[in-house]
Amino acid sequence: MMSIPAIRPLLAAACALALAACSQQQAPVSFIAEGNPEKLSDWHLMAVSSSKLNLNKQVVPYDLNTPLFTDYAHKLRTVWMPKGQSAAYNAETTFDFPVGTIISKTFYYPKAADGKAVLANYASDGDQLDTTKVRLVETRLLVRRASGWIALPYVWNAEQTDAVLSRTGDQIPLDVVHQDKHSDKITYVVPNVNQCASCHVADVKSRQFQPIGPKARHLNRDYTYEGISTNQLQYLAKVGYLTGLPAEGAKAAPRNANWHDAQQPIDARARAYLDINCAHCHNDKGAANTTALHLNMGAPADLHLGLCKPPVAAGAGTGGRSHDIAPGKPDDSIMLYRLNSAEPGVMMPELGRSSVHQEGVALIREWIAAMQEGCGSK
């Protein structure tokens, strides 16, 4: 009888063959250089068959160390590039992707026992999605055309067989059940294409549109490919999707903390959370650059991080508080007040959610509370 360690490689190979068989049934991925296809299936990135969402060949899934919060939705992220094309590595900014690149992000929720409500705070299903167990909500595409990136939001139909283009966005009512059994009624908002640009414009002067997640510090983590846990940066380089990775590999690349990992320092976790959720606007070139609040990883932990910083033009968003961050006093901090609100005109981030991320708020509260109290002469 074969031992369990001996069987594992065979099982991994069998799974890989099964997945390959599913992907081979699909037509090749289509890079559509002009126009706005009406259905997600027109791109041939993925297809639902026998209630399983199957990725096509060369469509590579990935994940982030700390993901953006979107009303507790889970996300399946993928990237595809034309044969022979690759992205150029950059240690700090979004990788330079070639024309023809298609980045997808599929938002979904595990289903509750009644099949109608959806669940929050449950383990991710990775890239093995079963529509009998999860509800597919939307898939957003970022497509790199010759003229630059475009964003296309697709909303999944009730039958969970395909998704339809919704350039004007959509609103989807959901009953969300949390692990402590309490439930919320939320309105999940699918952004319109203009709202996509409000977050993805990396430089307000040049109006440069960029993906947010595919940066070295977000991708430098392991993912299970074909049954084997592998560093994502090294895997992308191995399959030809990334060039310029340092000779030392992922060890030489920056790496953000996992915000949910209590074994990592609170400062690293909080900074990673703010980096992915806020820094696409709050940096020296972003849409919120006039606030002088810089929340990108690597920015100095000084006034620009919000420490003892008076607000520039927050209006009602201050909640009567005097500083973005009042060290040692989370309840006196504008940042926590705005993160803990779902009121339009007050809440931050102002797009991408209609509910409060209670766990994220708790993290930022703990971070501010751990700071040495007092502003002195700042």
Foldseek 3Di string as FASTA:
>chain_A
DDDPVVCLVVVLQVVVVVLQVVQVVWDDADQDQDDDDFWPCVRRQWFADPQKIHGHPQWAWAFWLAAADFAQWDKTKTKHAPPPFAWEADQADFTRGDARMKIKIWTKFFADPVRAAGEGPDDDPHRTGGNSGMGTAKMWIWHQHPVGTFIWIWGADPVRGITTTDQCKDWDWHWYAYPVGDIDIFIRTGHHRVVQLQLQQQFPVVSHGHDQQRHLQTQQAWDQDSNDTDRRQVVCVVVPHYPDADPVHSVPHHHQHNLPDPVDDLVSNLLSNCQNFPQSALDCGHVVNVQLQHSHPPPDPDVNVFEQHATDDLVCLQVPAGTCAQALDLVSHSVLSQLQDQDQSHHPPNDNYNHHPVVSSVSVSVVRNPGDGDDPPD
